[in-house]
Amino acid sequence: LLDSGAAQYDTYATADDRYLAVGSLEPKFFAELVRVLGVADRLPA
């Protein structure tokens, strides 16, 4: 869960090859993540 294995706790590259850190472990935080990313319909939980 905490060593980059989980998708909801990892770092991700952006369009300019910089990075964002994601720690959306709890369901309510994860819901915010996928809502802003625009993928809530494909990854609801």
PDB file of all heavy atoms in Angstrom:
ATOM      1  N   LEU A   1       0.798  -1.215   0.000  1.00  0.00           N
ATOM      2  CA  LEU A   1       0.000   0.000   0.000  1.00  0.00           C
ATOM      3  C   LEU A   1       0.835   1.271   0.000  1.00  0.00           C
ATOM      4  O   LEU A   1       0.492   2.247  -0.665  1.00  0.00           O
ATOM      5  CB  LEU A   1      -0.935  -0.011   1.224  1.00  0.00           C
ATOM      6  CG  LEU A   1      -1.940   1.132   1.320  1.00  0.00           C
ATOM      7  CD1 LEU A   1      -2.942   1.054   0.167  1.00  0.00           C
ATOM      8  CD2 LEU A   1      -2.662   1.084   2.661  1.00  0.00           C
ATOM      9  N   LEU A   2       1.955   1.277   0.738  1.00  0.00           N
ATOM     10  CA  LEU A   2       2.709   2.517   0.926  1.00  0.00           C
ATOM     11  C   LEU A   2       4.052   2.543   0.212  1.00  0.00           C
ATOM     12  O   LEU A   2       4.860   3.444   0.453  1.00  0.00           O
ATOM     13  CB  LEU A   2       2.933   2.764   2.430  1.00  0.00           C
ATOM     14  CG  LEU A   2       1.674   2.849   3.295  1.00  0.00           C
ATOM     15  CD1 LEU A   2       2.046   3.062   4.758  1.00  0.00           C
ATOM     16  CD2 LEU A   2       0.740   3.952   2.814  1.00  0.00           C
ATOM     17  N   ASP A   3       4.327   1.578  -0.638  1.00  0.00           N
ATOM     18  CA  ASP A   3       5.645   1.522  -1.294  1.00  0.00           C
ATOM     19  C   ASP A   3       5.562   1.666  -2.806  1.00  0.00           C
ATOM     20  O   ASP A   3       6.421   1.179  -3.521  1.00  0.00           O
ATOM     21  CB  ASP A   3       6.371   0.225  -0.913  1.00  0.00           C
ATOM     22  CG  ASP A   3       5.671  -1.022  -1.444  1.00  0.00           C
ATOM     23  OD1 ASP A   3       4.579  -0.903  -2.038  1.00  0.00           O
ATOM     24  OD2 ASP A   3       6.218  -2.127  -1.269  1.00  0.00           O
ATOM     25  N   SER A   4       4.543   2.356  -3.293  1.00  0.00           N
ATOM     26  CA  SER A   4       4.248   2.616  -4.706  1.00  0.00           C
ATOM     27  C   SER A   4       3.485   1.485  -5.363  1.00  0.00           C
ATOM     28  O   SER A   4       3.184   1.553  -6.560  1.00  0.00           O
ATOM     29  CB  SER A   4       5.523   2.917  -5.526  1.00  0.00           C
ATOM     30  OG  SER A   4       6.246   1.738  -5.852  1.00  0.00           O
ATOM     31  N   GLY A   5       3.122   0.453  -4.610  1.00  0.00           N
ATOM     32  CA  GLY A   5       2.323  -0.630  -5.177  1.00  0.00           C
ATOM     33  C   GLY A   5       0.902  -0.197  -5.473  1.00  0.00           C
ATOM     34  O   GLY A   5       0.334  -0.552  -6.510  1.00  0.00           O
ATOM     35  N   ALA A   6       0.307   0.588  -4.580  1.00  0.00           N
ATOM     36  CA  ALA A   6      -1.082   1.019  -4.742  1.00  0.00           C
ATOM     37  C   ALA A   6      -1.174   2.233  -5.651  1.00  0.00           C
ATOM     38  O   ALA A   6      -0.397   3.180  -5.528  1.00  0.00           O
ATOM     39  CB  ALA A   6      -1.691   1.346  -3.379  1.00  0.00           C
ATOM     40  N   ALA A   7      -2.136   2.218  -6.551  1.00  0.00           N
ATOM     41  CA  ALA A   7      -2.315   3.339  -7.481  1.00  0.00           C
ATOM     42  C   ALA A   7      -2.684   4.618  -6.752  1.00  0.00           C
ATOM     43  O   ALA A   7      -2.385   5.720  -7.236  1.00  0.00           O
ATOM     44  CB  ALA A   7      -3.402   2.988  -8.496  1.00  0.00           C
ATOM     45  N   GLN A   8      -3.336   4.486  -5.606  1.00  0.00           N
ATOM     46  CA  GLN A   8      -3.782   5.661  -4.862  1.00  0.00           C
ATOM     47  C   GLN A   8      -2.711   6.236  -3.944  1.00  0.00           C
ATOM     48  O   GLN A   8      -2.969   7.177  -3.188  1.00  0.00           O
ATOM     49  CB  GLN A   8      -5.043   5.324  -4.056  1.00  0.00           C
ATOM     50  CG  GLN A   8      -4.914   4.180  -3.076  1.00  0.00           C
ATOM     51  CD  GLN A   8      -5.324   2.835  -3.672  1.00  0.00           C
ATOM     52  OE1 GLN A   8      -4.963   2.516  -4.797  1.00  0.00           O
ATOM     53  NE2 GLN A   8      -6.099   2.070  -2.914  1.00  0.00           N
ATOM     54  N   TYR A   9      -1.489   5.692  -4.018  1.00  0.00           N
ATOM     55  CA  TYR A   9      -0.395   6.194  -3.183  1.00  0.00           C
ATOM     56  C   TYR A   9       0.899   6.064  -3.979  1.00  0.00           C
ATOM     57  O   TYR A   9       1.653   5.111  -3.834  1.00  0.00           O
ATOM     58  CB  TYR A   9      -0.304   5.383  -1.881  1.00  0.00           C
ATOM     59  CG  TYR A   9       0.450   6.075  -0.765  1.00  0.00           C
ATOM     60  CD1 TYR A   9      -0.199   6.943   0.108  1.00  0.00           C
ATOM     61  CD2 TYR A   9       1.808   5.869  -0.581  1.00  0.00           C
ATOM     62  CE1 TYR A   9       0.473   7.576   1.138  1.00  0.00           C
ATOM     63  CE2 TYR A   9       2.504   6.495   0.442  1.00  0.00           C
ATOM     64  CZ  TYR A   9       1.834   7.344   1.302  1.00  0.00           C
ATOM     65  OH  TYR A   9       2.510   7.970   2.312  1.00  0.00           O
ATOM     66  N   ASP A  10       1.138   7.058  -4.840  1.00  0.00           N
ATOM     67  CA  ASP A  10       2.296   6.969  -5.733  1.00  0.00           C
ATOM     68  C   ASP A  10       2.574   8.356  -6.306  1.00  0.00           C
ATOM     69  O   ASP A  10       1.875   9.321  -5.994  1.00  0.00           O
ATOM     70  CB  ASP A  10       2.021   5.953  -6.853  1.00  0.00           C
ATOM     71  CG  ASP A  10       3.281   5.383  -7.473  1.00  0.00           C
ATOM     72  OD1 ASP A  10       4.392   5.840  -7.105  1.00  0.00           O
ATOM     73  OD2 ASP A  10       3.175   4.483  -8.328  1.00  0.00           O
ATOM     74  N   THR A  11       3.590   8.444  -7.140  1.00  0.00           N
ATOM     75  CA  THR A  11       3.885   9.680  -7.856  1.00  0.00           C
ATOM     76  C   THR A  11       3.601   9.483  -9.332  1.00  0.00           C
ATOM     77  O   THR A  11       3.761   8.371  -9.871  1.00  0.00           O
ATOM     78  CB  THR A  11       5.356  10.098  -7.674  1.00  0.00           C
ATOM     79  OG1 THR A  11       6.213   9.056  -8.143  1.00  0.00           O
ATOM     80  CG2 THR A  11       5.650  10.385  -6.214  1.00  0.00           C
ATOM     81  N   TYR A  12       3.194  10.570 -10.003  1.00  0.00           N
ATOM     82  CA  TYR A  12       2.806  10.495 -11.405  1.00  0.00           C
ATOM     83  C   TYR A  12       3.415  11.637 -12.203  1.00  0.00           C
ATOM     84  O   TYR A  12       3.458  12.789 -11.732  1.00  0.00           O
ATOM     85  CB  TYR A  12       1.280  10.533 -11.535  1.00  0.00           C
ATOM     86  CG  TYR A  12       0.606   9.292 -11.003  1.00  0.00           C
ATOM     87  CD1 TYR A  12       0.167   9.238  -9.680  1.00  0.00           C
ATOM     88  CD2 TYR A  12       0.428   8.169 -11.812  1.00  0.00           C
ATOM     89  CE1 TYR A  12      -0.447   8.097  -9.177  1.00  0.00           C
ATOM     90  CE2 TYR A  12      -0.183   7.024 -11.316  1.00  0.00           C
ATOM     91  CZ  TYR A  12      -0.612   6.992  -9.997  1.00  0.00           C
ATOM     92  OH  TYR A  12      -1.212   5.848  -9.519  1.00  0.00           O
ATOM     93  N   ALA A  13       3.873  11.316 -13.404  1.00  0.00           N
ATOM     94  CA  ALA A  13       4.456  12.315 -14.291  1.00  0.00           C
ATOM     95  C   ALA A  13       3.364  13.118 -14.979  1.00  0.00           C
ATOM     96  O   ALA A  13       2.280  12.611 -15.282  1.00  0.00           O
ATOM     97  CB  ALA A  13       5.340  11.639 -15.330  1.00  0.00           C
ATOM     98  N   THR A  14       3.683  14.397 -15.221  1.00  0.00           N
ATOM     99  CA  THR A  14       2.739  15.282 -15.886  1.00  0.00           C
ATOM    100  C   THR A  14       3.227  15.579 -17.305  1.00  0.00           C
ATOM    101  O   THR A  14       4.263  15.071 -17.747  1.00  0.00           O
ATOM    102  CB  THR A  14       2.586  16.584 -15.088  1.00  0.00           C
ATOM    103  OG1 THR A  14       3.886  17.168 -14.903  1.00  0.00           O
ATOM    104  CG2 THR A  14       1.970  16.293 -13.725  1.00  0.00           C
ATOM    105  N   ALA A  15       2.480  16.422 -18.019  1.00  0.00           N
ATOM    106  CA  ALA A  15       2.802  16.692 -19.420  1.00  0.00           C
ATOM    107  C   ALA A  15       4.164  17.336 -19.594  1.00  0.00           C
ATOM    108  O   ALA A  15       4.795  17.187 -20.655  1.00  0.00           O
ATOM    109  CB  ALA A  15       1.720  17.585 -20.035  1.00  0.00           C
ATOM    110  N   ASP A  16       4.635  18.057 -18.578  1.00  0.00           N
ATOM    111  CA  ASP A  16       5.938  18.723 -18.666  1.00  0.00           C
ATOM    112  C   ASP A  16       7.030  17.936 -17.951  1.00  0.00           C
ATOM    113  O   ASP A  16       8.070  18.497 -17.584  1.00  0.00           O
ATOM    114  CB  ASP A  16       5.849  20.144 -18.111  1.00  0.00           C
ATOM    115  CG  ASP A  16       5.252  20.202 -16.712  1.00  0.00           C
ATOM    116  OD1 ASP A  16       4.699  19.182 -16.247  1.00  0.00           O
ATOM    117  OD2 ASP A  16       5.323  21.268 -16.072  1.00  0.00           O
ATOM    118  N   ASP A  17       6.786  16.647 -17.749  1.00  0.00           N
ATOM    119  CA  ASP A  17       7.766  15.749 -17.110  1.00  0.00           C
ATOM    120  C   ASP A  17       8.128  16.187 -15.697  1.00  0.00           C
ATOM    121  O   ASP A  17       9.244  15.950 -15.225  1.00  0.00           O
ATOM    122  CB  ASP A  17       9.032  15.618 -17.969  1.00  0.00           C
ATOM    123  CG  ASP A  17       8.775  14.856 -19.256  1.00  0.00           C
ATOM    124  OD1 ASP A  17       7.999  13.887 -19.221  1.00  0.00           O
ATOM    125  OD2 ASP A  17       9.344  15.238 -20.295  1.00  0.00           O
ATOM    126  N   ARG A  18       7.197  16.835 -15.015  1.00  0.00           N
ATOM    127  CA  ARG A  18       7.305  17.067 -13.587  1.00  0.00           C
ATOM    128  C   ARG A  18       6.456  16.003 -12.888  1.00  0.00           C
ATOM    129  O   ARG A  18       5.863  15.143 -13.543  1.00  0.00           O
ATOM    130  CB  ARG A  18       6.833  18.476 -13.218  1.00  0.00           C
ATOM    131  CG  ARG A  18       7.541  19.587 -13.994  1.00  0.00           C
ATOM    132  CD  ARG A  18       9.053  19.593 -13.818  1.00  0.00           C
ATOM    133  NE  ARG A  18       9.454  19.850 -12.444  1.00  0.00           N
ATOM    134  CZ  ARG A  18       9.600  21.058 -11.913  1.00  0.00           C
ATOM    135  NH1 ARG A  18       9.352  22.136 -12.652  1.00  0.00           N
ATOM    136  NH2 ARG A  18       9.988  21.218 -10.673  1.00  0.00           N
ATOM    137  N   TYR A  19       6.348  16.088 -11.573  1.00  0.00           N
ATOM    138  CA  TYR A  19       5.651  15.014 -10.856  1.00  0.00           C
ATOM    139  C   TYR A  19       4.685  15.557  -9.815  1.00  0.00           C
ATOM    140  O   TYR A  19       4.874  16.647  -9.254  1.00  0.00           O
ATOM    141  CB  TYR A  19       6.664  14.094 -10.163  1.00  0.00           C
ATOM    142  CG  TYR A  19       7.432  13.235 -11.135  1.00  0.00           C
ATOM    143  CD1 TYR A  19       8.608  13.701 -11.709  1.00  0.00           C
ATOM    144  CD2 TYR A  19       6.963  11.973 -11.507  1.00  0.00           C
ATOM    145  CE1 TYR A  19       9.307  12.933 -12.623  1.00  0.00           C
ATOM    146  CE2 TYR A  19       7.662  11.192 -12.414  1.00  0.00           C
ATOM    147  CZ  TYR A  19       8.832  11.685 -12.974  1.00  0.00           C
ATOM    148  OH  TYR A  19       9.514  10.923 -13.886  1.00  0.00           O
ATOM    149  N   LEU A  20       3.642  14.766  -9.561  1.00  0.00           N
ATOM    150  CA  LEU A  20       2.693  15.014  -8.496  1.00  0.00           C
ATOM    151  C   LEU A  20       2.683  13.810  -7.569  1.00  0.00           C
ATOM    152  O   LEU A  20       2.811  12.663  -8.018  1.00  0.00           O
ATOM    153  CB  LEU A  20       1.288  15.238  -9.051  1.00  0.00           C
ATOM    154  CG  LEU A  20       1.088  16.560  -9.810  1.00  0.00           C
ATOM    155  CD1 LEU A  20      -0.133  16.477 -10.687  1.00  0.00           C
ATOM    156  CD2 LEU A  20       0.945  17.717  -8.824  1.00  0.00           C
ATOM    157  N   ALA A  21       2.532  14.065  -6.287  1.00  0.00           N
ATOM    158  CA  ALA A  21       2.424  12.997  -5.293  1.00  0.00           C
ATOM    159  C   ALA A  21       0.962  12.819  -4.935  1.00  0.00           C
ATOM    160  O   ALA A  21       0.255  13.790  -4.644  1.00  0.00           O
ATOM    161  CB  ALA A  21       3.233  13.347  -4.050  1.00  0.00           C
ATOM    162  N   VAL A  22       0.519  11.573  -4.947  1.00  0.00           N
ATOM    163  CA  VAL A  22      -0.876  11.246  -4.672  1.00  0.00           C
ATOM    164  C   VAL A  22      -0.936  10.368  -3.429  1.00  0.00           C
ATOM    165  O   VAL A  22      -0.250   9.345  -3.346  1.00  0.00           O
ATOM    166  CB  VAL A  22      -1.517  10.505  -5.870  1.00  0.00           C
ATOM    167  CG1 VAL A  22      -2.923  10.012  -5.520  1.00  0.00           C
ATOM    168  CG2 VAL A  22      -1.557  11.418  -7.094  1.00  0.00           C
ATOM    169  N   GLY A  23      -1.772  10.767  -2.478  1.00  0.00           N
ATOM    170  CA  GLY A  23      -1.971   9.982  -1.266  1.00  0.00           C
ATOM    171  C   GLY A  23      -3.450   9.827  -0.951  1.00  0.00           C
ATOM    172  O   GLY A  23      -3.865   9.990   0.195  1.00  0.00           O
ATOM    173  N   SER A  24      -4.230   9.482  -1.959  1.00  0.00           N
ATOM    174  CA  SER A  24      -5.699   9.415  -1.831  1.00  0.00           C
ATOM    175  C   SER A  24      -6.129   8.048  -1.304  1.00  0.00           C
ATOM    176  O   SER A  24      -6.824   7.292  -1.993  1.00  0.00           O
ATOM    177  CB  SER A  24      -6.355   9.696  -3.182  1.00  0.00           C
ATOM    178  OG  SER A  24      -5.857  10.887  -3.756  1.00  0.00           O
ATOM    179  N   LEU A  25      -5.766   7.733  -0.086  1.00  0.00           N
ATOM    180  CA  LEU A  25      -6.016   6.391   0.451  1.00  0.00           C
ATOM    181  C   LEU A  25      -7.481   6.156   0.812  1.00  0.00           C
ATOM    182  O   LEU A  25      -8.058   5.121   0.468  1.00  0.00           O
ATOM    183  CB  LEU A  25      -5.135   6.162   1.681  1.00  0.00           C
ATOM    184  CG  LEU A  25      -3.628   6.053   1.422  1.00  0.00           C
ATOM    185  CD1 LEU A  25      -2.870   5.951   2.746  1.00  0.00           C
ATOM    186  CD2 LEU A  25      -3.312   4.853   0.543  1.00  0.00           C
ATOM    187  N   GLU A  26      -8.083   7.101   1.515  1.00  0.00           N
ATOM    188  CA  GLU A  26      -9.463   6.905   1.957  1.00  0.00           C
ATOM    189  C   GLU A  26     -10.439   7.106   0.793  1.00  0.00           C
ATOM    190  O   GLU A  26     -10.195   7.906  -0.115  1.00  0.00           O
ATOM    191  CB  GLU A  26      -9.793   7.879   3.092  1.00  0.00           C
ATOM    192  CG  GLU A  26      -9.023   7.619   4.384  1.00  0.00           C
ATOM    193  CD  GLU A  26      -7.621   8.192   4.386  1.00  0.00           C
ATOM    194  OE1 GLU A  26      -7.213   8.782   3.354  1.00  0.00           O
ATOM    195  OE2 GLU A  26      -6.931   8.088   5.410  1.00  0.00           O
ATOM    196  N   PRO A  27     -11.570   6.396   0.810  1.00  0.00           N
ATOM    197  CA  PRO A  27     -12.532   6.500  -0.299  1.00  0.00           C
ATOM    198  C   PRO A  27     -12.964   7.925  -0.613  1.00  0.00           C
ATOM    199  O   PRO A  27     -13.078   8.296  -1.790  1.00  0.00           O
ATOM    200  CB  PRO A  27     -13.707   5.642   0.199  1.00  0.00           C
ATOM    201  CG  PRO A  27     -13.080   4.619   1.090  1.00  0.00           C
ATOM    202  CD  PRO A  27     -11.964   5.353   1.787  1.00  0.00           C
ATOM    203  N   LYS A  28     -13.210   8.765   0.406  1.00  0.00           N
ATOM    204  CA  LYS A  28     -13.678  10.128   0.118  1.00  0.00           C
ATOM    205  C   LYS A  28     -12.589  10.962  -0.537  1.00  0.00           C
ATOM    206  O   LYS A  28     -12.877  11.842  -1.357  1.00  0.00           O
ATOM    207  CB  LYS A  28     -14.176  10.800   1.390  1.00  0.00           C
ATOM    208  CG  LYS A  28     -13.146  10.969   2.493  1.00  0.00           C
ATOM    209  CD  LYS A  28     -13.763  11.627   3.730  1.00  0.00           C
ATOM    210  CE  LYS A  28     -12.738  11.789   4.841  1.00  0.00           C
ATOM    211  NZ  LYS A  28     -13.347  12.436   6.044  1.00  0.00           N
ATOM    212  N   PHE A  29     -11.327  10.695  -0.199  1.00  0.00           N
ATOM    213  CA  PHE A  29     -10.239  11.411  -0.839  1.00  0.00           C
ATOM    214  C   PHE A  29     -10.035  10.896  -2.267  1.00  0.00           C
ATOM    215  O   PHE A  29      -9.748  11.669  -3.178  1.00  0.00           O
ATOM    216  CB  PHE A  29      -8.952  11.267  -0.034  1.00  0.00           C
ATOM    217  CG  PHE A  29      -9.041  11.794   1.382  1.00  0.00           C
ATOM    218  CD1 PHE A  29      -8.238  11.284   2.383  1.00  0.00           C
ATOM    219  CD2 PHE A  29      -9.939  12.807   1.707  1.00  0.00           C
ATOM    220  CE1 PHE A  29      -8.323  11.755   3.683  1.00  0.00           C
ATOM    221  CE2 PHE A  29     -10.042  13.286   3.003  1.00  0.00           C
ATOM    222  CZ  PHE A  29      -9.223  12.761   3.993  1.00  0.00           C
ATOM    223  N   PHE A  30     -10.162   9.588  -2.421  1.00  0.00           N
ATOM    224  CA  PHE A  30     -10.015   8.997  -3.757  1.00  0.00           C
ATOM    225  C   PHE A  30     -11.109   9.515  -4.692  1.00  0.00           C
ATOM    226  O   PHE A  30     -10.856   9.763  -5.884  1.00  0.00           O
ATOM    227  CB  PHE A  30     -10.071   7.472  -3.665  1.00  0.00           C
ATOM    228  CG  PHE A  30      -9.748   6.787  -4.964  1.00  0.00           C
ATOM    229  CD1 PHE A  30      -8.426   6.622  -5.362  1.00  0.00           C
ATOM    230  CD2 PHE A  30     -10.757   6.321  -5.792  1.00  0.00           C
ATOM    231  CE1 PHE A  30      -8.120   5.992  -6.573  1.00  0.00           C
ATOM    232  CE2 PHE A  30     -10.459   5.700  -6.995  1.00  0.00           C
ATOM    233  CZ  PHE A  30      -9.135   5.535  -7.382  1.00  0.00           C
ATOM    234  N   ALA A  31     -12.318   9.698  -4.163  1.00  0.00           N
ATOM    235  CA  ALA A  31     -13.409  10.218  -4.990  1.00  0.00           C
ATOM    236  C   ALA A  31     -13.072  11.608  -5.520  1.00  0.00           C
ATOM    237  O   ALA A  31     -13.395  11.945  -6.676  1.00  0.00           O
ATOM    238  CB  ALA A  31     -14.695  10.253  -4.173  1.00  0.00           C
ATOM    239  N   GLU A  32     -12.416  12.434  -4.699  1.00  0.00           N
ATOM    240  CA  GLU A  32     -11.994  13.749  -5.156  1.00  0.00           C
ATOM    241  C   GLU A  32     -10.921  13.637  -6.235  1.00  0.00           C
ATOM    242  O   GLU A  32     -10.919  14.376  -7.220  1.00  0.00           O
ATOM    243  CB  GLU A  32     -11.455  14.560  -3.974  1.00  0.00           C
ATOM    244  CG  GLU A  32     -12.515  15.122  -3.064  1.00  0.00           C
ATOM    245  CD  GLU A  32     -13.218  16.303  -3.718  1.00  0.00           C
ATOM    246  OE1 GLU A  32     -12.768  17.450  -3.545  1.00  0.00           O
ATOM    247  OE2 GLU A  32     -14.218  16.065  -4.431  1.00  0.00           O
ATOM    248  N   LEU A  33      -9.994  12.711  -6.059  1.00  0.00           N
ATOM    249  CA  LEU A  33      -8.927  12.500  -7.036  1.00  0.00           C
ATOM    250  C   LEU A  33      -9.496  12.192  -8.411  1.00  0.00           C
ATOM    251  O   LEU A  33      -9.173  12.866  -9.405  1.00  0.00           O
ATOM    252  CB  LEU A  33      -8.012  11.366  -6.577  1.00  0.00           C
ATOM    253  CG  LEU A  33      -6.983  10.874  -7.615  1.00  0.00           C
ATOM    254  CD1 LEU A  33      -5.891  11.915  -7.824  1.00  0.00           C
ATOM    255  CD2 LEU A  33      -6.372   9.544  -7.171  1.00  0.00           C
ATOM    256  N   VAL A  34     -10.340  11.174  -8.494  1.00  0.00           N
ATOM    257  CA  VAL A  34     -10.831  10.750  -9.810  1.00  0.00           C
ATOM    258  C   VAL A  34     -11.822  11.751 -10.387  1.00  0.00           C
ATOM    259  O   VAL A  34     -11.947  11.871 -11.617  1.00  0.00           O
ATOM    260  CB  VAL A  34     -11.450   9.338  -9.722  1.00  0.00           C
ATOM    261  CG1 VAL A  34     -10.363   8.308  -9.397  1.00  0.00           C
ATOM    262  CG2 VAL A  34     -12.581   9.261  -8.703  1.00  0.00           C
ATOM    263  N   ARG A  35     -12.506  12.509  -9.520  1.00  0.00           N
ATOM    264  CA  ARG A  35     -13.406  13.552 -10.028  1.00  0.00           C
ATOM    265  C   ARG A  35     -12.614  14.627 -10.764  1.00  0.00           C
ATOM    266  O   ARG A  35     -12.950  15.010 -11.896  1.00  0.00           O
ATOM    267  CB  ARG A  35     -14.201  14.168  -8.881  1.00  0.00           C
ATOM    268  CG  ARG A  35     -15.124  15.311  -9.333  1.00  0.00           C
ATOM    269  CD  ARG A  35     -15.781  16.003  -8.156  1.00  0.00           C
ATOM    270  NE  ARG A  35     -14.831  16.703  -7.298  1.00  0.00           N
ATOM    271  CZ  ARG A  35     -14.319  17.910  -7.579  1.00  0.00           C
ATOM    272  NH1 ARG A  35     -14.637  18.529  -8.729  1.00  0.00           N
ATOM    273  NH2 ARG A  35     -13.469  18.493  -6.735  1.00  0.00           N
ATOM    274  N   VAL A  36     -11.538  15.112 -10.127  1.00  0.00           N
ATOM    275  CA  VAL A  36     -10.738  16.154 -10.761  1.00  0.00           C
ATOM    276  C   VAL A  36     -10.026  15.623 -11.997  1.00  0.00           C
ATOM    277  O   VAL A  36      -9.899  16.325 -13.007  1.00  0.00           O
ATOM    278  CB  VAL A  36      -9.728  16.734  -9.753  1.00  0.00           C
ATOM    279  CG1 VAL A  36      -8.827  17.775 -10.424  1.00  0.00           C
ATOM    280  CG2 VAL A  36     -10.451  17.374  -8.570  1.00  0.00           C
ATOM    281  N   LEU A  37      -9.589  14.374 -11.941  1.00  0.00           N
ATOM    282  CA  LEU A  37      -8.919  13.773 -13.092  1.00  0.00           C
ATOM    283  C   LEU A  37      -9.884  13.480 -14.238  1.00  0.00           C
ATOM    284  O   LEU A  37      -9.450  13.295 -15.387  1.00  0.00           O
ATOM    285  CB  LEU A  37      -8.230  12.469 -12.687  1.00  0.00           C
ATOM    286  CG  LEU A  37      -6.955  12.572 -11.860  1.00  0.00           C
ATOM    287  CD1 LEU A  37      -6.456  11.182 -11.478  1.00  0.00           C
ATOM    288  CD2 LEU A  37      -5.858  13.324 -12.622  1.00  0.00           C
ATOM    289  N   GLY A  38     -11.180  13.426 -13.944  1.00  0.00           N
ATOM    290  CA  GLY A  38     -12.156  13.129 -14.986  1.00  0.00           C
ATOM    291  C   GLY A  38     -12.289  11.662 -15.309  1.00  0.00           C
ATOM    292  O   GLY A  38     -12.722  11.299 -16.423  1.00  0.00           O
ATOM    293  N   VAL A  39     -11.965  10.789 -14.357  1.00  0.00           N
ATOM    294  CA  VAL A  39     -12.049   9.338 -14.607  1.00  0.00           C
ATOM    295  C   VAL A  39     -12.938   8.652 -13.573  1.00  0.00           C
ATOM    296  O   VAL A  39     -12.846   7.437 -13.381  1.00  0.00           O
ATOM    297  CB  VAL A  39     -10.646   8.692 -14.605  1.00  0.00           C
ATOM    298  CG1 VAL A  39      -9.804   9.237 -15.746  1.00  0.00           C
ATOM    299  CG2 VAL A  39      -9.947   8.902 -13.262  1.00  0.00           C
ATOM    300  N   ALA A  40     -13.818   9.409 -12.918  1.00  0.00           N
ATOM    301  CA  ALA A  40     -14.654   8.830 -11.868  1.00  0.00           C
ATOM    302  C   ALA A  40     -15.559   7.728 -12.400  1.00  0.00           C
ATOM    303  O   ALA A  40     -15.869   6.765 -11.684  1.00  0.00           O
ATOM    304  CB  ALA A  40     -15.487   9.923 -11.200  1.00  0.00           C
ATOM    305  N   ASP A  41     -15.982   7.841 -13.651  1.00  0.00           N
ATOM    306  CA  ASP A  41     -16.868   6.819 -14.210  1.00  0.00           C
ATOM    307  C   ASP A  41     -16.142   5.499 -14.439  1.00  0.00           C
ATOM    308  O   ASP A  41     -16.756   4.421 -14.417  1.00  0.00           O
ATOM    309  CB  ASP A  41     -17.479   7.310 -15.523  1.00  0.00           C
ATOM    310  CG  ASP A  41     -16.426   7.702 -16.551  1.00  0.00           C
ATOM    311  OD1 ASP A  41     -15.318   8.136 -16.141  1.00  0.00           O
ATOM    312  OD2 ASP A  41     -16.704   7.575 -17.762  1.00  0.00           O
ATOM    313  N   ARG A  42     -14.826   5.547 -14.646  1.00  0.00           N
ATOM    314  CA  ARG A  42     -14.062   4.319 -14.887  1.00  0.00           C
ATOM    315  C   ARG A  42     -13.361   3.799 -13.637  1.00  0.00           C
ATOM    316  O   ARG A  42     -12.883   2.654 -13.625  1.00  0.00           O
ATOM    317  CB  ARG A  42     -13.018   4.579 -15.981  1.00  0.00           C
ATOM    318  CG  ARG A  42     -13.632   4.710 -17.381  1.00  0.00           C
ATOM    319  CD  ARG A  42     -12.583   5.115 -18.398  1.00  0.00           C
ATOM    320  NE  ARG A  42     -12.218   6.523 -18.289  1.00  0.00           N
ATOM    321  CZ  ARG A  42     -11.219   7.084 -18.951  1.00  0.00           C
ATOM    322  NH1 ARG A  42     -10.459   6.349 -19.756  1.00  0.00           N
ATOM    323  NH2 ARG A  42     -10.972   8.367 -18.815  1.00  0.00           N
ATOM    324  N   LEU A  43     -13.303   4.608 -12.596  1.00  0.00           N
ATOM    325  CA  LEU A  43     -12.610   4.206 -11.373  1.00  0.00           C
ATOM    326  C   LEU A  43     -13.382   4.794 -10.185  1.00  0.00           C
ATOM    327  O   LEU A  43     -12.911   5.706  -9.509  1.00  0.00           O
ATOM    328  CB  LEU A  43     -11.171   4.728 -11.407  1.00  0.00           C
ATOM    329  CG  LEU A  43     -10.111   4.014 -10.571  1.00  0.00           C
ATOM    330  CD1 LEU A  43     -10.032   2.543 -10.914  1.00  0.00           C
ATOM    331  CD2 LEU A  43      -8.758   4.661 -10.779  1.00  0.00           C
ATOM    332  N   PRO A  44     -14.556   4.257  -9.878  1.00  0.00           N
ATOM    333  CA  PRO A  44     -15.431   4.865  -8.881  1.00  0.00           C
ATOM    334  C   PRO A  44     -15.005   4.672  -7.433  1.00  0.00           C
ATOM    335  O   PRO A  44     -15.493   5.380  -6.551  1.00  0.00           O
ATOM    336  CB  PRO A  44     -16.771   4.175  -9.133  1.00  0.00           C
ATOM    337  CG  PRO A  44     -16.387   2.848  -9.719  1.00  0.00           C
ATOM    338  CD  PRO A  44     -15.181   3.111 -10.552  1.00  0.00           C
ATOM    339  N   ALA A  45     -14.091   3.726  -7.164  1.00  0.00           N
ATOM    340  CA  ALA A  45     -13.688   3.441  -5.788  1.00  0.00           C
ATOM    341  C   ALA A  45     -12.209   3.091  -5.757  1.00  0.00           C
ATOM    342  O   ALA A  45     -11.633   2.691  -6.783  1.00  0.00           O
ATOM    343  CB  ALA A  45     -14.519   2.291  -5.221  1.00  0.00           C
TER     344      ALA A  45
END
